[in-house]
Amino acid sequence: MIFRSIWKLLKIEITFLVVLVAVAGFLSVPGAENHLILLVPLVLTGAMASMSSGLFNNLYDRDIDQMMKRTKEREKMIDGKQGYLFALGVAFISLAFVGSWIILNLLTAIFIFLGFCSYLFLYTIFLKRRTTWNIVIGGIAGSFPALAGWSALTGSISLTSIYIAFLVFLWTPTHFWSLAVGSKDDYNAASIPMLPAVTNPEETAKYLTINSSLLVFYTLIPVFFLVTGNGGVFHLGYFYYPMAVVLDLYLVYLTVMQYKSTFSRPFYKKSFMFSNYYLMLLLISICLVIL
């Protein structure tokens, strides 16, 4: 029970994905296999920053979490522990920033801190309760780990790290809107203007189609460069290209099938689960560039 509570409060699933994005950015650097020891501080500081933002998100959203079935249990875990969790959050982000600065470099520390700030301040505090663009703009929080991963080795950014960062940014609305369809009653109860909660299913499907189409087009750009003999523009490794094609074909299939499913919640739950694997497999294929 305690382990389950800690898992939920620290948002370990999100932390895993954040770390995977950073690792993909790191391993995409040519010659990264010779400096794998630096993955240790990158993973630790990135995980601490992610868990810290998760803790502060839980604390800030206590009032709406108690109105939502999906998060009501999380709100009960916080009761009476606000001061402790706040101190833990401060400790995590402080260690993440200072540790990454000292062990890695200042640019990496800045990217890690910007990831924390964009999730907590931009998305959670400023956007989430105000606009249907919340998850679209707020998705930038997931982009910074890719930049941090590359800069951990180089102290700079590159076309490859920017590509990975924008990949996560474009993936986020497709992922989260699919989840939000099943939780629209919760969002309405808490007055959160998440797109599927404030519009009809047809309109949600239209925006999902637009975003998923952009995502498919974007992920196939490196394939186009490879086919035209300019594969060196991106340092993603050969595993990325067939993986992107296969995953995009299935994403297109799901995008079409949402109209035939009469926009049912079980269908969008299936789409949400696939979106998890979609990004994870793309990132893993990028990590395999070192082979």
Protein backbone atom coordinates (compact mmCIF):
# COMPACT_ATOMS: atom_id res chain seq x y z
CA MET A 1 0.00 0.00 0.00
CA ILE A 2 2.80 2.42 0.92
CA PHE A 3 4.72 1.54 -2.23
CA ARG A 4 1.58 2.11 -4.32
CA SER A 5 1.04 5.52 -2.71
CA ILE A 6 4.63 6.58 -3.35
CA TRP A 7 4.36 5.36 -6.93
CA LYS A 8 1.28 7.50 -7.55
CA LEU A 9 2.50 10.61 -5.75
CA LEU A 10 5.84 10.63 -7.56
CA LYS A 11 4.15 9.84 -10.90
CA ILE A 12 6.68 7.12 -11.67
CA GLU A 13 5.14 6.33 -15.09
CA ILE A 14 5.71 9.92 -16.21
CA THR A 15 9.18 9.91 -14.68
CA PHE A 16 10.10 6.78 -16.63
CA LEU A 17 9.05 8.39 -19.90
CA VAL A 18 10.85 11.66 -19.08
CA VAL A 19 14.04 9.73 -18.35
CA LEU A 20 13.66 7.69 -21.55
CA VAL A 21 13.39 10.91 -23.59
CA ALA A 22 16.58 12.20 -21.96
CA VAL A 23 18.39 8.90 -22.55
CA ALA A 24 17.36 8.94 -26.23
CA GLY A 25 18.74 12.47 -26.56
CA PHE A 26 21.96 11.39 -24.85
CA LEU A 27 22.53 8.20 -26.87
CA SER A 28 21.82 9.96 -30.15
CA VAL A 29 25.07 11.91 -29.71
CA PRO A 30 27.76 10.35 -31.95
CA GLY A 31 30.26 8.52 -29.71
CA ALA A 32 27.90 8.45 -26.72
CA GLU A 33 28.75 4.78 -26.13
CA ASN A 34 32.17 5.91 -24.89
CA HIS A 35 30.68 8.05 -22.13
CA LEU A 36 27.87 5.91 -20.73
CA ILE A 37 28.94 6.70 -17.16
CA LEU A 38 27.40 10.16 -17.62
CA LEU A 39 24.01 8.52 -18.02
CA VAL A 40 23.96 7.95 -14.27
CA PRO A 41 23.84 11.64 -13.21
CA LEU A 42 21.57 12.46 -16.17
CA VAL A 43 19.03 9.79 -15.20
CA LEU A 44 19.16 10.61 -11.48
CA THR A 45 18.82 14.38 -11.86
CA GLY A 46 16.17 14.05 -14.56
CA ALA A 47 14.16 11.64 -12.42
CA MET A 48 14.37 13.91 -9.37
CA ALA A 49 13.18 16.92 -11.38
CA SER A 50 10.28 14.93 -12.81
CA MET A 51 9.24 13.55 -9.42
CA SER A 52 9.50 17.02 -7.90
CA SER A 53 7.17 18.51 -10.52
CA GLY A 54 4.79 15.60 -9.90
CA LEU A 55 4.74 16.29 -6.17
CA PHE A 56 4.05 19.99 -6.64
CA ASN A 57 1.37 19.17 -9.21
CA ASN A 58 -0.34 16.94 -6.63
CA LEU A 59 -0.19 19.65 -3.99
CA TYR A 60 -1.50 22.39 -6.26
CA ASP A 61 -4.33 20.28 -7.70
CA ARG A 62 -5.68 19.00 -4.38
CA ASP A 63 -8.91 20.97 -4.77
CA ILE A 64 -9.77 19.47 -8.16
CA ASP A 65 -8.35 16.00 -7.50
CA GLN A 66 -11.02 15.38 -4.88
CA MET A 67 -13.71 16.03 -7.52
CA MET A 68 -12.34 13.49 -10.00
CA LYS A 69 -12.73 9.73 -9.65
CA ARG A 70 -9.39 9.12 -11.36
CA THR A 71 -7.47 11.24 -8.83
CA LYS A 72 -9.61 11.18 -5.68
CA GLU A 73 -7.45 8.46 -4.14
CA ARG A 74 -4.31 10.54 -4.77
CA GLU A 75 -5.78 13.50 -2.91
CA LYS A 76 -6.38 11.32 0.15
CA MET A 77 -2.71 10.26 0.14
CA ILE A 78 -1.65 13.90 0.56
CA ASP A 79 -3.91 14.69 3.52
CA GLY A 80 -1.79 15.84 6.45
CA LYS A 81 1.48 15.48 4.54
CA GLN A 82 1.57 18.78 2.61
CA GLY A 83 4.59 20.22 4.41
CA TYR A 84 6.61 17.04 4.07
CA LEU A 85 5.80 16.64 0.39
CA PHE A 86 6.60 20.30 -0.30
CA ALA A 87 9.99 19.96 1.39
CA LEU A 88 10.68 16.76 -0.54
CA GLY A 89 9.78 18.48 -3.80
CA VAL A 90 12.12 21.39 -3.05
CA ALA A 91 14.90 18.96 -2.16
CA PHE A 92 14.44 16.98 -5.37
CA ILE A 93 14.49 19.97 -7.72
CA SER A 94 17.40 21.56 -5.85
CA LEU A 95 19.46 18.37 -6.09
CA ALA A 96 18.48 17.97 -9.74
CA PHE A 97 19.55 21.49 -10.71
CA VAL A 98 22.73 21.72 -8.63
CA GLY A 99 23.77 18.13 -9.31
CA SER A 100 23.35 18.38 -13.08
CA TRP A 101 25.20 21.72 -13.11
CA ILE A 102 28.17 20.42 -11.13
CA ILE A 103 28.47 16.94 -12.63
CA LEU A 104 27.31 17.68 -16.19
CA ASN A 105 27.11 21.33 -17.28
CA LEU A 106 25.07 24.49 -16.84
CA LEU A 107 23.07 24.14 -20.08
CA THR A 108 21.87 20.68 -19.07
CA ALA A 109 20.88 22.01 -15.64
CA ILE A 110 18.93 24.83 -17.30
CA PHE A 111 17.06 22.42 -19.57
CA ILE A 112 16.18 20.18 -16.60
CA PHE A 113 14.96 23.20 -14.64
CA LEU A 114 12.95 24.50 -17.63
CA GLY A 115 11.27 21.10 -17.91
CA PHE A 116 10.28 21.34 -14.24
CA CYS A 117 9.05 24.94 -14.54
CA SER A 118 7.09 24.39 -17.75
CA TYR A 119 5.18 21.45 -16.25
CA LEU A 120 4.47 23.10 -12.90
CA PHE A 121 4.02 26.78 -13.74
CA LEU A 122 3.11 26.86 -17.44
CA TYR A 123 0.86 23.77 -17.60
CA THR A 124 -0.38 23.06 -14.06
CA ILE A 125 -0.83 26.59 -12.72
CA PHE A 126 -1.33 28.80 -15.78
CA LEU A 127 -2.87 26.71 -18.60
CA LYS A 128 -4.65 23.65 -17.20
CA ARG A 129 -7.67 25.45 -15.73
CA ARG A 130 -7.89 28.23 -18.30
CA THR A 131 -7.81 26.94 -21.87
CA THR A 132 -8.40 23.97 -24.12
CA TRP A 133 -4.88 24.60 -25.39
CA ASN A 134 -3.57 23.46 -21.99
CA ILE A 135 -2.06 20.15 -23.04
CA VAL A 136 -1.00 21.44 -26.47
CA ILE A 137 1.16 24.28 -25.19
CA GLY A 138 1.96 22.52 -21.91
CA GLY A 139 3.38 19.60 -23.88
CA ILE A 140 6.62 21.54 -24.19
CA ALA A 141 7.51 20.23 -20.72
CA GLY A 142 8.21 16.81 -22.22
CA SER A 143 10.54 18.28 -24.83
CA PHE A 144 13.25 19.64 -22.56
CA PRO A 145 14.61 16.22 -21.47
CA ALA A 146 15.68 15.52 -25.09
CA LEU A 147 17.67 18.76 -25.15
CA ALA A 148 19.12 17.97 -21.72
CA GLY A 149 20.20 14.51 -22.89
CA TRP A 150 22.15 15.84 -25.86
CA SER A 151 23.67 18.76 -23.97
CA ALA A 152 24.80 16.47 -21.13
CA LEU A 153 27.54 15.25 -23.47
CA THR A 154 28.08 18.22 -25.74
CA GLY A 155 27.08 21.34 -23.83
CA SER A 156 25.02 22.34 -26.87
CA ILE A 157 21.90 21.47 -28.85
CA SER A 158 21.57 19.98 -32.34
CA LEU A 159 19.08 19.26 -35.10
CA THR A 160 18.72 15.72 -33.76
CA SER A 161 17.94 16.80 -30.19
CA ILE A 162 15.47 19.41 -31.46
CA TYR A 163 13.87 16.74 -33.62
CA ILE A 164 13.38 14.40 -30.64
CA ALA A 165 12.09 17.28 -28.51
CA PHE A 166 9.47 18.27 -31.07
CA LEU A 167 8.50 14.62 -31.54
CA VAL A 168 7.47 14.45 -27.88
CA PHE A 169 5.69 17.81 -28.19
CA LEU A 170 3.57 16.61 -31.13
CA TRP A 171 2.84 13.24 -29.50
CA THR A 172 1.44 14.74 -26.30
CA PRO A 173 -2.01 15.96 -27.51
CA THR A 174 -2.78 12.70 -29.32
CA HIS A 175 -1.80 10.80 -26.18
CA PHE A 176 -3.61 12.94 -23.64
CA TRP A 177 -6.79 13.67 -25.57
CA SER A 178 -7.30 9.91 -26.00
CA LEU A 179 -7.03 9.53 -22.23
CA ALA A 180 -9.26 12.54 -21.56
CA VAL A 181 -12.17 11.09 -23.58
CA GLY A 182 -12.63 8.46 -20.91
CA SER A 183 -12.31 11.03 -18.12
CA LYS A 184 -14.48 13.79 -19.57
CA ASP A 185 -17.00 13.49 -16.72
CA ASP A 186 -14.18 14.07 -14.24
CA TYR A 187 -12.93 17.12 -16.10
CA ASN A 188 -16.44 18.56 -16.29
CA ALA A 189 -16.93 17.99 -12.56
CA ALA A 190 -13.69 19.85 -11.83
CA SER A 191 -14.35 22.54 -14.49
CA ILE A 192 -11.14 21.72 -16.35
CA PRO A 193 -11.47 22.75 -20.04
CA MET A 194 -9.74 19.69 -21.46
CA LEU A 195 -10.74 19.51 -25.14
CA PRO A 196 -12.78 16.25 -25.07
CA ALA A 197 -14.70 17.53 -22.04
CA VAL A 198 -15.84 20.82 -23.58
CA THR A 199 -16.71 19.73 -27.12
CA ASN A 200 -18.62 16.96 -28.87
CA PRO A 201 -17.04 13.64 -29.94
CA GLU A 202 -16.95 14.64 -33.63
CA GLU A 203 -14.98 17.79 -32.84
CA THR A 204 -12.57 15.87 -30.61
CA ALA A 205 -12.05 13.32 -33.38
CA LYS A 206 -11.31 16.13 -35.84
CA TYR A 207 -8.58 17.60 -33.65
CA LEU A 208 -7.17 14.15 -32.91
CA THR A 209 -7.03 13.49 -36.65
CA ILE A 210 -5.23 16.77 -37.31
CA ASN A 211 -2.68 16.23 -34.56
CA SER A 212 -2.10 12.56 -35.38
CA SER A 213 -1.63 13.43 -39.05
CA LEU A 214 0.97 16.04 -38.13
CA LEU A 215 2.67 13.49 -35.89
CA VAL A 216 2.80 10.85 -38.64
CA PHE A 217 4.13 13.34 -41.18
CA TYR A 218 6.77 14.57 -38.74
CA THR A 219 8.03 11.13 -37.71
CA LEU A 220 8.46 10.17 -41.37
CA ILE A 221 10.64 13.19 -42.24
CA PRO A 222 13.87 11.28 -41.35
CA VAL A 223 12.64 8.39 -43.53
CA PHE A 224 12.35 10.80 -46.46
CA PHE A 225 15.88 12.08 -45.87
CA LEU A 226 17.19 8.52 -45.67
CA VAL A 227 15.50 7.52 -48.95
CA THR A 228 16.89 10.59 -50.71
CA GLY A 229 20.41 9.79 -49.53
CA ASN A 230 20.58 12.45 -46.82
CA GLY A 231 20.15 10.19 -43.80
CA GLY A 232 23.08 11.84 -42.03
CA VAL A 233 20.96 14.91 -41.29
CA PHE A 234 19.55 13.10 -38.24
CA HIS A 235 21.53 10.79 -35.97
CA LEU A 236 18.72 8.39 -35.06
CA GLY A 237 20.11 5.01 -36.09
CA TYR A 238 18.70 2.53 -38.59
CA PHE A 239 16.29 0.92 -36.12
CA TYR A 240 14.25 4.13 -36.05
CA TYR A 241 13.12 4.06 -39.69
CA PRO A 242 11.25 0.72 -39.89
CA MET A 243 9.85 1.29 -36.39
CA ALA A 244 8.45 4.69 -37.38
CA VAL A 245 6.82 3.29 -40.54
CA VAL A 246 5.16 0.37 -38.72
CA LEU A 247 3.92 2.46 -35.80
CA ASP A 248 2.65 5.22 -38.09
CA LEU A 249 0.68 2.74 -40.18
CA TYR A 250 -1.13 1.54 -37.07
CA LEU A 251 -1.68 5.09 -35.84
CA VAL A 252 -3.27 5.95 -39.19
CA TYR A 253 -5.47 2.86 -38.85
CA LEU A 254 -6.63 3.95 -35.38
CA THR A 255 -7.24 7.49 -36.60
CA VAL A 256 -9.56 6.19 -39.32
CA MET A 257 -11.24 3.64 -37.06
CA GLN A 258 -12.27 6.23 -34.47
CA TYR A 259 -15.01 7.33 -36.89
CA LYS A 260 -16.25 3.75 -37.31
CA SER A 261 -16.17 3.14 -33.57
CA THR A 262 -18.84 5.83 -33.03
CA PHE A 263 -16.29 7.57 -30.80
CA SER A 264 -16.68 5.03 -28.00
CA ARG A 265 -14.72 5.40 -24.79
CA PRO A 266 -13.34 1.82 -24.94
CA PHE A 267 -11.88 2.60 -28.36
CA TYR A 268 -10.11 5.72 -27.10
CA LYS A 269 -8.80 3.77 -24.12
CA LYS A 270 -7.24 1.38 -26.63
CA SER A 271 -5.81 4.34 -28.57
CA PHE A 272 -4.39 5.78 -25.37
CA MET A 273 -2.63 2.52 -24.54
CA PHE A 274 -1.16 2.36 -28.04
CA SER A 275 0.09 5.95 -27.76
CA ASN A 276 2.15 4.90 -24.73
CA TYR A 277 3.85 2.16 -26.72
CA TYR A 278 4.15 4.42 -29.76
CA LEU A 279 6.45 6.92 -28.11
CA MET A 280 8.26 4.37 -25.97
CA LEU A 281 9.16 2.17 -28.97
CA LEU A 282 10.26 5.16 -31.06
CA LEU A 283 12.54 6.32 -28.24
CA ILE A 284 13.95 2.84 -27.69
CA SER A 285 14.70 2.55 -31.40
CA ILE A 286 16.58 5.85 -31.18
CA CYS A 287 18.52 4.56 -28.16
CA LEU A 288 19.65 1.60 -30.27
CA VAL A 289 21.65 4.00 -32.46
CA ILE A 290 24.73 3.06 -30.40
CA LEU A 291 24.63 -0.55 -31.66
